[in-house]
């Protein structure tokens, strides 16, 4: 007798393949910096599977009493995010080991789609979409449509709304104009050669417009390993070599400033030649509780 199919519950909004680049050489996992219950910044060693996830983040709830009409609970996770992350993991390895030279047109599209997913797929984005409307709106619209139908009594309108939010999330990620725009930006992979310095990441790994306003997006950066930074920017004279060097230097500071709950490092965050990591991490995470979750 075959075992029932296991439902995925642990949904990573920061994928494990991406975080694995920060696994330490001592095989104890990555370094995780976050606030504890006493509002003190603490560091922990954690495996990638224990970081960057929320339980049932993309789970679809049953909308009716008829199981044949309901979608599989983890269809978004399995049929979209898992496939996207598997494809993006291959491009990620190319970017780390050979830069841009081996990327195909398809690779660029996959990576552009993945970048958009990193921007959109977190819990805070879902909260934003949910706050824009409510299940009552869905209920009222359907009741108006099916005012005399007994079928309306069998519908879980709240579940229908929660599900619709997750479909909206996926449609945002797949928005063709945005993904195409990202894929056609000018790309660069910057290697960090300075001894004692290293790139970090967080629960918000993408820096947009050097930490300024998000729309329109003229530039974005994301560390792809502790010593490599990916940058995409529009074809403008302001994005010259000096700008790229500056962004490389300030990327970590912006990551710490914009982190919602935690920061990830490949090693203990002591002060480097240019970046006062220990001071900055306590400064920025100390105010993280005031940020919108």
C-alpha atoms as a PDB file:
ATOM      1  CA  UNK A   1       0.000   0.000   0.000  1.00  0.00           C
ATOM      2  CA  UNK A   2       1.485   3.305  -1.085  1.00  0.00           C
ATOM      3  CA  UNK A   3       2.043   6.055   1.439  1.00  0.00           C
ATOM      4  CA  UNK A   4      -0.156   9.147   1.169  1.00  0.00           C
ATOM      5  CA  UNK A   5       1.528  12.055  -0.576  1.00  0.00           C
ATOM      6  CA  UNK A   6       3.274  14.300   1.944  1.00  0.00           C
ATOM      7  CA  UNK A   7       2.055  17.900   1.995  1.00  0.00           C
ATOM      8  CA  UNK A   8       4.740  20.576   2.039  1.00  0.00           C
ATOM      9  CA  UNK A   9       4.254  22.881   5.033  1.00  0.00           C
ATOM     10  CA  UNK A  10       7.610  24.616   5.449  1.00  0.00           C
ATOM     11  CA  UNK A  11       7.602  27.268   2.734  1.00  0.00           C
ATOM     12  CA  UNK A  12      10.893  29.074   2.191  1.00  0.00           C
ATOM     13  CA  UNK A  13      10.551  32.652   1.040  1.00  0.00           C
ATOM     14  CA  UNK A  14      14.376  32.782   1.105  1.00  0.00           C
ATOM     15  CA  UNK A  15      15.249  29.528  -0.706  1.00  0.00           C
ATOM     16  CA  UNK A  16      17.580  26.967   0.797  1.00  0.00           C
ATOM     17  CA  UNK A  17      19.779  26.726  -2.304  1.00  0.00           C
ATOM     18  CA  UNK A  18      20.450  30.465  -2.006  1.00  0.00           C
ATOM     19  CA  UNK A  19      21.150  30.379   1.739  1.00  0.00           C
ATOM     20  CA  UNK A  20      23.463  27.385   1.359  1.00  0.00           C
ATOM     21  CA  UNK A  21      26.134  29.704  -0.063  1.00  0.00           C
ATOM     22  CA  UNK A  22      26.495  31.077   3.487  1.00  0.00           C
ATOM     23  CA  UNK A  23      27.055  27.705   5.143  1.00  0.00           C
ATOM     24  CA  UNK A  24      30.250  27.892   7.151  1.00  0.00           C
ATOM     25  CA  UNK A  25      33.255  25.675   6.427  1.00  0.00           C
ATOM     26  CA  UNK A  26      32.926  24.050   9.867  1.00  0.00           C
ATOM     27  CA  UNK A  27      29.653  22.411   8.705  1.00  0.00           C
ATOM     28  CA  UNK A  28      27.682  23.909  11.587  1.00  0.00           C
ATOM     29  CA  UNK A  29      25.461  25.896   9.255  1.00  0.00           C
ATOM     30  CA  UNK A  30      25.197  29.619   8.734  1.00  0.00           C
ATOM     31  CA  UNK A  31      25.343  32.449  11.257  1.00  0.00           C
ATOM     32  CA  UNK A  32      21.924  33.929  12.014  1.00  0.00           C
ATOM     33  CA  UNK A  33      21.615  37.283  13.753  1.00  0.00           C
ATOM     34  CA  UNK A  34      18.253  38.253  15.211  1.00  0.00           C
ATOM     35  CA  UNK A  35      16.574  39.806  18.240  1.00  0.00           C
ATOM     36  CA  UNK A  36      15.661  37.583  21.158  1.00  0.00           C
ATOM     37  CA  UNK A  37      12.638  37.930  23.463  1.00  0.00           C
ATOM     38  CA  UNK A  38      14.597  40.434  25.592  1.00  0.00           C
ATOM     39  CA  UNK A  39      15.192  42.655  22.549  1.00  0.00           C
ATOM     40  CA  UNK A  40      18.874  41.783  22.516  1.00  0.00           C
ATOM     41  CA  UNK A  41      20.669  40.945  19.273  1.00  0.00           C
ATOM     42  CA  UNK A  42      21.906  37.362  19.412  1.00  0.00           C
ATOM     43  CA  UNK A  43      23.754  35.113  16.995  1.00  0.00           C
ATOM     44  CA  UNK A  44      22.863  31.487  16.370  1.00  0.00           C
ATOM     45  CA  UNK A  45      24.156  28.686  14.176  1.00  0.00           C
ATOM     46  CA  UNK A  46      21.385  27.276  12.014  1.00  0.00           C
ATOM     47  CA  UNK A  47      20.972  24.898   9.051  1.00  0.00           C
ATOM     48  CA  UNK A  48      19.456  26.431   5.928  1.00  0.00           C
ATOM     49  CA  UNK A  49      16.204  24.480   6.319  1.00  0.00           C
ATOM     50  CA  UNK A  50      15.544  26.343   9.579  1.00  0.00           C
ATOM     51  CA  UNK A  51      15.938  29.825   8.102  1.00  0.00           C
ATOM     52  CA  UNK A  52      13.824  31.953   5.785  1.00  0.00           C
ATOM     53  CA  UNK A  53      10.565  30.031   5.945  1.00  0.00           C
ATOM     54  CA  UNK A  54       7.053  30.367   7.280  1.00  0.00           C
ATOM     55  CA  UNK A  55       4.712  27.483   7.887  1.00  0.00           C
ATOM     56  CA  UNK A  56       1.887  27.255   5.336  1.00  0.00           C
ATOM     57  CA  UNK A  57       2.879  30.583   3.803  1.00  0.00           C
ATOM     58  CA  UNK A  58       1.563  29.583   0.353  1.00  0.00           C
ATOM     59  CA  UNK A  59      -0.909  26.894   1.457  1.00  0.00           C
ATOM     60  CA  UNK A  60      -4.298  26.893  -0.268  1.00  0.00           C
ATOM     61  CA  UNK A  61      -7.308  26.302   1.966  1.00  0.00           C
ATOM     62  CA  UNK A  62     -10.389  24.251   0.997  1.00  0.00           C
ATOM     63  CA  UNK A  63     -12.984  26.604  -0.459  1.00  0.00           C
ATOM     64  CA  UNK A  64     -15.963  24.236  -0.502  1.00  0.00           C
ATOM     65  CA  UNK A  65     -17.228  21.018   1.050  1.00  0.00           C
ATOM     66  CA  UNK A  66     -16.563  19.287  -2.268  1.00  0.00           C
ATOM     67  CA  UNK A  67     -12.996  18.013  -2.271  1.00  0.00           C
ATOM     68  CA  UNK A  68     -12.980  17.586  -6.054  1.00  0.00           C
ATOM     69  CA  UNK A  69     -13.456  21.350  -6.433  1.00  0.00           C
ATOM     70  CA  UNK A  70     -10.564  22.281  -4.157  1.00  0.00           C
ATOM     71  CA  UNK A  71      -6.972  22.773  -5.228  1.00  0.00           C
ATOM     72  CA  UNK A  72      -4.172  20.772  -3.651  1.00  0.00           C
ATOM     73  CA  UNK A  73      -3.056  22.536  -0.483  1.00  0.00           C
ATOM     74  CA  UNK A  74       0.558  22.909  -1.573  1.00  0.00           C
ATOM     75  CA  UNK A  75       0.089  23.299  -5.321  1.00  0.00           C
ATOM     76  CA  UNK A  76       1.598  26.802  -5.355  1.00  0.00           C
ATOM     77  CA  UNK A  77       4.624  25.616  -3.405  1.00  0.00           C
ATOM     78  CA  UNK A  78       5.165  22.452  -5.451  1.00  0.00           C
ATOM     79  CA  UNK A  79       4.015  23.559  -8.892  1.00  0.00           C
ATOM     80  CA  UNK A  80       5.494  27.039  -8.905  1.00  0.00           C
ATOM     81  CA  UNK A  81       8.050  27.920  -6.236  1.00  0.00           C
ATOM     82  CA  UNK A  82       9.813  24.551  -6.117  1.00  0.00           C
ATOM     83  CA  UNK A  83      10.183  24.460  -9.899  1.00  0.00           C
ATOM     84  CA  UNK A  84      11.346  28.076 -10.043  1.00  0.00           C
ATOM     85  CA  UNK A  85      13.893  27.530  -7.264  1.00  0.00           C
ATOM     86  CA  UNK A  86      15.256  24.366  -8.908  1.00  0.00           C
ATOM     87  CA  UNK A  87      15.799  26.252 -12.168  1.00  0.00           C
ATOM     88  CA  UNK A  88      17.234  29.324 -10.422  1.00  0.00           C
ATOM     89  CA  UNK A  89      19.660  27.157  -8.417  1.00  0.00           C
ATOM     90  CA  UNK A  90      21.357  26.105 -11.648  1.00  0.00           C
ATOM     91  CA  UNK A  91      21.729  29.729 -12.771  1.00  0.00           C
ATOM     92  CA  UNK A  92      22.968  30.669  -9.308  1.00  0.00           C
ATOM     93  CA  UNK A  93      25.830  28.188  -9.639  1.00  0.00           C
ATOM     94  CA  UNK A  94      26.758  29.575 -13.048  1.00  0.00           C
ATOM     95  CA  UNK A  95      26.831  33.109 -11.667  1.00  0.00           C
ATOM     96  CA  UNK A  96      29.071  32.083  -8.778  1.00  0.00           C
ATOM     97  CA  UNK A  97      31.521  29.958 -10.754  1.00  0.00           C
ATOM     98  CA  UNK A  98      31.699  31.615 -14.182  1.00  0.00           C
ATOM     99  CA  UNK A  99      29.883  34.927 -13.912  1.00  0.00           C
ATOM    100  CA  UNK A 100      27.754  36.065 -16.823  1.00  0.00           C
ATOM    101  CA  UNK A 101      29.612  34.508 -19.740  1.00  0.00           C
ATOM    102  CA  UNK A 102      27.844  31.133 -19.700  1.00  0.00           C
ATOM    103  CA  UNK A 103      24.307  32.446 -19.261  1.00  0.00           C
ATOM    104  CA  UNK A 104      21.799  31.713 -22.009  1.00  0.00           C
ATOM    105  CA  UNK A 105      18.766  33.844 -22.811  1.00  0.00           C
ATOM    106  CA  UNK A 106      16.679  31.326 -20.896  1.00  0.00           C
ATOM    107  CA  UNK A 107      19.047  31.552 -17.912  1.00  0.00           C
ATOM    108  CA  UNK A 108      18.645  35.324 -17.833  1.00  0.00           C
ATOM    109  CA  UNK A 109      14.871  34.988 -17.901  1.00  0.00           C
ATOM    110  CA  UNK A 110      14.883  32.400 -15.090  1.00  0.00           C
ATOM    111  CA  UNK A 111      17.139  34.570 -12.934  1.00  0.00           C
ATOM    112  CA  UNK A 112      15.014  37.665 -13.635  1.00  0.00           C
ATOM    113  CA  UNK A 113      11.921  35.719 -12.582  1.00  0.00           C
ATOM    114  CA  UNK A 114      13.704  34.535  -9.460  1.00  0.00           C
ATOM    115  CA  UNK A 115      14.792  38.080  -8.578  1.00  0.00           C
ATOM    116  CA  UNK A 116      11.206  39.235  -8.848  1.00  0.00           C
ATOM    117  CA  UNK A 117      10.152  36.349  -6.620  1.00  0.00           C
ATOM    118  CA  UNK A 118      12.658  37.418  -3.941  1.00  0.00           C
ATOM    119  CA  UNK A 119      11.098  40.876  -4.004  1.00  0.00           C
ATOM    120  CA  UNK A 120       7.517  39.640  -3.843  1.00  0.00           C
ATOM    121  CA  UNK A 121       7.322  36.295  -2.065  1.00  0.00           C
ATOM    122  CA  UNK A 122       7.897  37.210   1.574  1.00  0.00           C
ATOM    123  CA  UNK A 123       5.287  37.276   4.369  1.00  0.00           C
ATOM    124  CA  UNK A 124       5.200  41.085   4.400  1.00  0.00           C
ATOM    125  CA  UNK A 125       4.090  41.190   0.753  1.00  0.00           C
ATOM    126  CA  UNK A 126       1.273  38.745   1.470  1.00  0.00           C
ATOM    127  CA  UNK A 127       0.221  40.894   4.418  1.00  0.00           C
ATOM    128  CA  UNK A 128       0.186  43.962   2.164  1.00  0.00           C
ATOM    129  CA  UNK A 129      -2.037  42.246  -0.401  1.00  0.00           C
ATOM    130  CA  UNK A 130      -4.381  40.917   2.276  1.00  0.00           C
ATOM    131  CA  UNK A 131      -4.690  44.368   3.846  1.00  0.00           C
ATOM    132  CA  UNK A 132      -5.745  45.880   0.515  1.00  0.00           C
ATOM    133  CA  UNK A 133      -9.103  44.104   0.645  1.00  0.00           C
ATOM    134  CA  UNK A 134     -10.990  41.540   2.700  1.00  0.00           C
ATOM    135  CA  UNK A 135     -12.877  38.284   2.485  1.00  0.00           C
ATOM    136  CA  UNK A 136     -16.094  40.233   2.970  1.00  0.00           C
ATOM    137  CA  UNK A 137     -15.636  41.814  -0.455  1.00  0.00           C
ATOM    138  CA  UNK A 138     -15.429  38.390  -2.066  1.00  0.00           C
ATOM    139  CA  UNK A 139     -18.410  37.172  -0.051  1.00  0.00           C
ATOM    140  CA  UNK A 140     -20.600  40.137  -0.992  1.00  0.00           C
ATOM    141  CA  UNK A 141     -19.734  39.882  -4.680  1.00  0.00           C
ATOM    142  CA  UNK A 142     -20.521  36.171  -4.833  1.00  0.00           C
ATOM    143  CA  UNK A 143     -23.670  36.423  -2.764  1.00  0.00           C
ATOM    144  CA  UNK A 144     -24.880  39.106  -5.151  1.00  0.00           C
ATOM    145  CA  UNK A 145     -24.126  36.786  -8.051  1.00  0.00           C
ATOM    146  CA  UNK A 146     -25.609  33.656  -6.466  1.00  0.00           C
ATOM    147  CA  UNK A 147     -28.247  35.249  -4.247  1.00  0.00           C
ATOM    148  CA  UNK A 148     -30.708  32.409  -4.755  1.00  0.00           C
ATOM    149  CA  UNK A 149     -28.223  29.546  -4.860  1.00  0.00           C
ATOM    150  CA  UNK A 150     -27.768  27.107  -1.975  1.00  0.00           C
ATOM    151  CA  UNK A 151     -24.237  26.505  -3.241  1.00  0.00           C
ATOM    152  CA  UNK A 152     -23.187  29.832  -1.679  1.00  0.00           C
ATOM    153  CA  UNK A 153     -23.831  28.290   1.748  1.00  0.00           C
ATOM    154  CA  UNK A 154     -21.159  25.699   1.068  1.00  0.00           C
ATOM    155  CA  UNK A 155     -18.411  28.201   0.212  1.00  0.00           C
ATOM    156  CA  UNK A 156     -15.750  29.303   2.691  1.00  0.00           C
ATOM    157  CA  UNK A 157     -15.411  32.900   1.529  1.00  0.00           C
ATOM    158  CA  UNK A 158     -12.512  33.639   3.844  1.00  0.00           C
ATOM    159  CA  UNK A 159     -10.571  30.692   2.413  1.00  0.00           C
ATOM    160  CA  UNK A 160     -11.437  31.817  -1.092  1.00  0.00           C
ATOM    161  CA  UNK A 161     -10.055  35.268  -0.333  1.00  0.00           C
ATOM    162  CA  UNK A 162      -6.877  33.936   1.312  1.00  0.00           C
ATOM    163  CA  UNK A 163      -6.306  31.734  -1.728  1.00  0.00           C
ATOM    164  CA  UNK A 164      -6.895  34.602  -4.138  1.00  0.00           C
ATOM    165  CA  UNK A 165      -4.205  36.611  -2.328  1.00  0.00           C
ATOM    166  CA  UNK A 166      -1.702  33.853  -3.026  1.00  0.00           C
ATOM    167  CA  UNK A 167      -2.697  33.698  -6.678  1.00  0.00           C
ATOM    168  CA  UNK A 168      -2.224  37.454  -6.882  1.00  0.00           C
ATOM    169  CA  UNK A 169       1.252  36.986  -5.386  1.00  0.00           C
ATOM    170  CA  UNK A 170       2.187  34.466  -8.086  1.00  0.00           C
ATOM    171  CA  UNK A 171       0.793  36.690 -10.827  1.00  0.00           C
ATOM    172  CA  UNK A 172       2.905  39.583  -9.544  1.00  0.00           C
ATOM    173  CA  UNK A 173       6.012  37.425  -9.670  1.00  0.00           C
ATOM    174  CA  UNK A 174       5.210  36.211 -13.185  1.00  0.00           C
ATOM    175  CA  UNK A 175       4.315  39.668 -14.517  1.00  0.00           C
ATOM    176  CA  UNK A 176       5.832  39.503 -17.971  1.00  0.00           C
ATOM    177  CA  UNK A 177       6.732  43.179 -18.353  1.00  0.00           C
ATOM    178  CA  UNK A 178       8.666  43.217 -15.066  1.00  0.00           C
ATOM    179  CA  UNK A 179      10.526  39.953 -15.665  1.00  0.00           C
ATOM    180  CA  UNK A 180      11.412  40.981 -19.225  1.00  0.00           C
ATOM    181  CA  UNK A 181      12.644  44.343 -17.961  1.00  0.00           C
ATOM    182  CA  UNK A 182      14.891  42.702 -15.354  1.00  0.00           C
ATOM    183  CA  UNK A 183      16.249  40.219 -17.902  1.00  0.00           C
ATOM    184  CA  UNK A 184      17.281  43.030 -20.274  1.00  0.00           C
ATOM    185  CA  UNK A 185      18.959  45.252 -17.684  1.00  0.00           C
ATOM    186  CA  UNK A 186      22.745  45.490 -17.634  1.00  0.00           C
ATOM    187  CA  UNK A 187      24.106  42.797 -15.315  1.00  0.00           C
ATOM    188  CA  UNK A 188      27.342  42.552 -13.382  1.00  0.00           C
ATOM    189  CA  UNK A 189      28.860  40.148 -10.877  1.00  0.00           C
ATOM    190  CA  UNK A 190      31.267  41.890  -8.526  1.00  0.00           C
ATOM    191  CA  UNK A 191      33.922  39.905  -6.685  1.00  0.00           C
ATOM    192  CA  UNK A 192      34.911  41.133  -3.223  1.00  0.00           C
ATOM    193  CA  UNK A 193      38.694  40.788  -2.934  1.00  0.00           C
ATOM    194  CA  UNK A 194      39.199  42.659   0.379  1.00  0.00           C
ATOM    195  CA  UNK A 195      40.475  40.463   3.185  1.00  0.00           C
ATOM    196  CA  UNK A 196      38.167  40.570   6.198  1.00  0.00           C
ATOM    197  CA  UNK A 197      35.143  41.840   4.266  1.00  0.00           C
ATOM    198  CA  UNK A 198      32.257  39.611   3.210  1.00  0.00           C
ATOM    199  CA  UNK A 199      28.754  39.950   1.826  1.00  0.00           C
ATOM    200  CA  UNK A 200      25.800  39.119   4.021  1.00  0.00           C
ATOM    201  CA  UNK A 201      22.121  38.546   3.285  1.00  0.00           C
ATOM    202  CA  UNK A 202      18.826  38.690   5.168  1.00  0.00           C
ATOM    203  CA  UNK A 203      15.106  37.988   5.073  1.00  0.00           C
ATOM    204  CA  UNK A 204      14.947  40.813   2.496  1.00  0.00           C
ATOM    205  CA  UNK A 205      17.913  39.916   0.281  1.00  0.00           C
ATOM    206  CA  UNK A 206      17.317  42.309  -2.636  1.00  0.00           C
ATOM    207  CA  UNK A 207      18.386  45.944  -2.403  1.00  0.00           C
ATOM    208  CA  UNK A 208      16.419  48.183  -4.772  1.00  0.00           C
ATOM    209  CA  UNK A 209      17.711  51.531  -6.021  1.00  0.00           C
ATOM    210  CA  UNK A 210      20.537  51.500  -3.468  1.00  0.00           C
ATOM    211  CA  UNK A 211      17.988  51.563  -0.656  1.00  0.00           C
ATOM    212  CA  UNK A 212      16.017  54.504  -2.020  1.00  0.00           C
ATOM    213  CA  UNK A 213      12.500  54.525  -3.460  1.00  0.00           C
ATOM    214  CA  UNK A 214      11.439  51.214  -5.004  1.00  0.00           C
ATOM    215  CA  UNK A 215       9.486  52.379  -8.062  1.00  0.00           C
ATOM    216  CA  UNK A 216      10.506  52.624 -10.757  1.00  0.00           C
ATOM    217  CA  UNK A 217      13.346  50.150 -10.320  1.00  0.00           C
ATOM    218  CA  UNK A 218      16.529  51.463 -11.910  1.00  0.00           C
ATOM    219  CA  UNK A 219      18.989  49.262 -10.027  1.00  0.00           C
ATOM    220  CA  UNK A 220      18.942  46.213  -7.793  1.00  0.00           C
ATOM    221  CA  UNK A 221      21.612  44.221  -6.027  1.00  0.00           C
ATOM    222  CA  UNK A 222      21.674  40.891  -4.238  1.00  0.00           C
ATOM    223  CA  UNK A 223      24.627  39.054  -2.757  1.00  0.00           C
ATOM    224  CA  UNK A 224      24.902  35.590  -4.295  1.00  0.00           C
ATOM    225  CA  UNK A 225      27.668  34.350  -2.004  1.00  0.00           C
ATOM    226  CA  UNK A 226      29.838  35.769   0.782  1.00  0.00           C
ATOM    227  CA  UNK A 227      32.271  37.156  -1.794  1.00  0.00           C
ATOM    228  CA  UNK A 228      30.113  37.916  -4.834  1.00  0.00           C
ATOM    229  CA  UNK A 229      27.463  40.534  -5.476  1.00  0.00           C
ATOM    230  CA  UNK A 230      25.001  40.503  -8.373  1.00  0.00           C
ATOM    231  CA  UNK A 231      23.954  43.912  -9.708  1.00  0.00           C
ATOM    232  CA  UNK A 232      21.379  44.732 -12.386  1.00  0.00           C
ATOM    233  CA  UNK A 233      20.900  48.317 -13.538  1.00  0.00           C
ATOM    234  CA  UNK A 234      19.333  50.323 -16.327  1.00  0.00           C
ATOM    235  CA  UNK A 235      21.374  51.596 -19.254  1.00  0.00           C
ATOM    236  CA  UNK A 236      22.202  54.996 -17.808  1.00  0.00           C
ATOM    237  CA  UNK A 237      25.422  56.945 -17.554  1.00  0.00           C
ATOM    238  CA  UNK A 238      24.958  57.347 -13.794  1.00  0.00           C
ATOM    239  CA  UNK A 239      25.582  53.621 -13.306  1.00  0.00           C
ATOM    240  CA  UNK A 240      29.296  53.754 -14.034  1.00  0.00           C
ATOM    241  CA  UNK A 241      32.172  51.869 -12.431  1.00  0.00           C
ATOM    242  CA  UNK A 242      32.345  54.321  -9.544  1.00  0.00           C
ATOM    243  CA  UNK A 243      28.674  53.737  -8.754  1.00  0.00           C
ATOM    244  CA  UNK A 244      29.142  49.956  -8.826  1.00  0.00           C
ATOM    245  CA  UNK A 245      32.101  50.225  -6.458  1.00  0.00           C
ATOM    246  CA  UNK A 246      30.088  52.417  -4.106  1.00  0.00           C
ATOM    247  CA  UNK A 247      27.132  50.044  -4.151  1.00  0.00           C
ATOM    248  CA  UNK A 248      29.464  47.145  -3.409  1.00  0.00           C
ATOM    249  CA  UNK A 249      30.708  48.954  -0.297  1.00  0.00           C
ATOM    250  CA  UNK A 250      27.296  50.031   1.034  1.00  0.00           C
ATOM    251  CA  UNK A 251      25.285  46.900   0.101  1.00  0.00           C
ATOM    252  CA  UNK A 252      25.802  45.232   3.487  1.00  0.00           C
ATOM    253  CA  UNK A 253      24.787  48.345   5.389  1.00  0.00           C
ATOM    254  CA  UNK A 254      21.547  48.588   3.406  1.00  0.00           C
ATOM    255  CA  UNK A 255      20.873  44.871   3.966  1.00  0.00           C
ATOM    256  CA  UNK A 256      21.208  45.328   7.724  1.00  0.00           C
ATOM    257  CA  UNK A 257      19.124  48.496   7.672  1.00  0.00           C
ATOM    258  CA  UNK A 258      16.249  46.913   5.719  1.00  0.00           C
ATOM    259  CA  UNK A 259      16.217  43.470   7.359  1.00  0.00           C
ATOM    260  CA  UNK A 260      12.861  42.729   8.954  1.00  0.00           C
ATOM    261  CA  UNK A 261      13.820  40.059  11.486  1.00  0.00           C
ATOM    262  CA  UNK A 262      17.255  38.626  10.840  1.00  0.00           C
ATOM    263  CA  UNK A 263      20.577  38.847   9.018  1.00  0.00           C
ATOM    264  CA  UNK A 264      22.596  35.908   7.686  1.00  0.00           C
ATOM    265  CA  UNK A 265      26.391  35.676   7.571  1.00  0.00           C
ATOM    266  CA  UNK A 266      28.907  32.985   6.683  1.00  0.00           C
ATOM    267  CA  UNK A 267      30.972  33.792   9.769  1.00  0.00           C
ATOM    268  CA  UNK A 268      30.870  35.712  13.007  1.00  0.00           C
ATOM    269  CA  UNK A 269      30.316  39.373  12.244  1.00  0.00           C
ATOM    270  CA  UNK A 270      33.413  41.035  13.629  1.00  0.00           C
ATOM    271  CA  UNK A 271      34.504  44.426  12.348  1.00  0.00           C
ATOM    272  CA  UNK A 272      36.161  44.372   8.924  1.00  0.00           C
ATOM    273  CA  UNK A 273      38.598  46.856   7.361  1.00  0.00           C
ATOM    274  CA  UNK A 274      35.768  49.040   6.052  1.00  0.00           C
ATOM    275  CA  UNK A 275      32.557  47.775   7.660  1.00  0.00           C
ATOM    276  CA  UNK A 276      31.925  47.908  11.408  1.00  0.00           C
ATOM    277  CA  UNK A 277      29.726  44.806  11.337  1.00  0.00           C
ATOM    278  CA  UNK A 278      29.334  44.326  15.085  1.00  0.00           C
ATOM    279  CA  UNK A 279      28.264  47.931  15.609  1.00  0.00           C
ATOM    280  CA  UNK A 280      25.968  48.052  12.573  1.00  0.00           C
ATOM    281  CA  UNK A 281      24.161  44.779  13.252  1.00  0.00           C
ATOM    282  CA  UNK A 282      23.211  45.889  16.755  1.00  0.00           C
ATOM    283  CA  UNK A 283      22.207  49.336  15.551  1.00  0.00           C
ATOM    284  CA  UNK A 284      19.895  48.163  12.782  1.00  0.00           C
ATOM    285  CA  UNK A 285      18.419  45.026  14.331  1.00  0.00           C
ATOM    286  CA  UNK A 286      17.789  46.991  17.518  1.00  0.00           C
ATOM    287  CA  UNK A 287      15.138  48.979  15.652  1.00  0.00           C
ATOM    288  CA  UNK A 288      13.753  46.040  13.673  1.00  0.00           C
ATOM    289  CA  UNK A 289      10.790  45.650  16.021  1.00  0.00           C
ATOM    290  CA  UNK A 290       9.574  49.064  14.869  1.00  0.00           C
ATOM    291  CA  UNK A 291       9.424  47.944  11.237  1.00  0.00           C
ATOM    292  CA  UNK A 292       6.312  46.655   9.547  1.00  0.00           C
ATOM    293  CA  UNK A 293       6.447  42.801   9.617  1.00  0.00           C
END
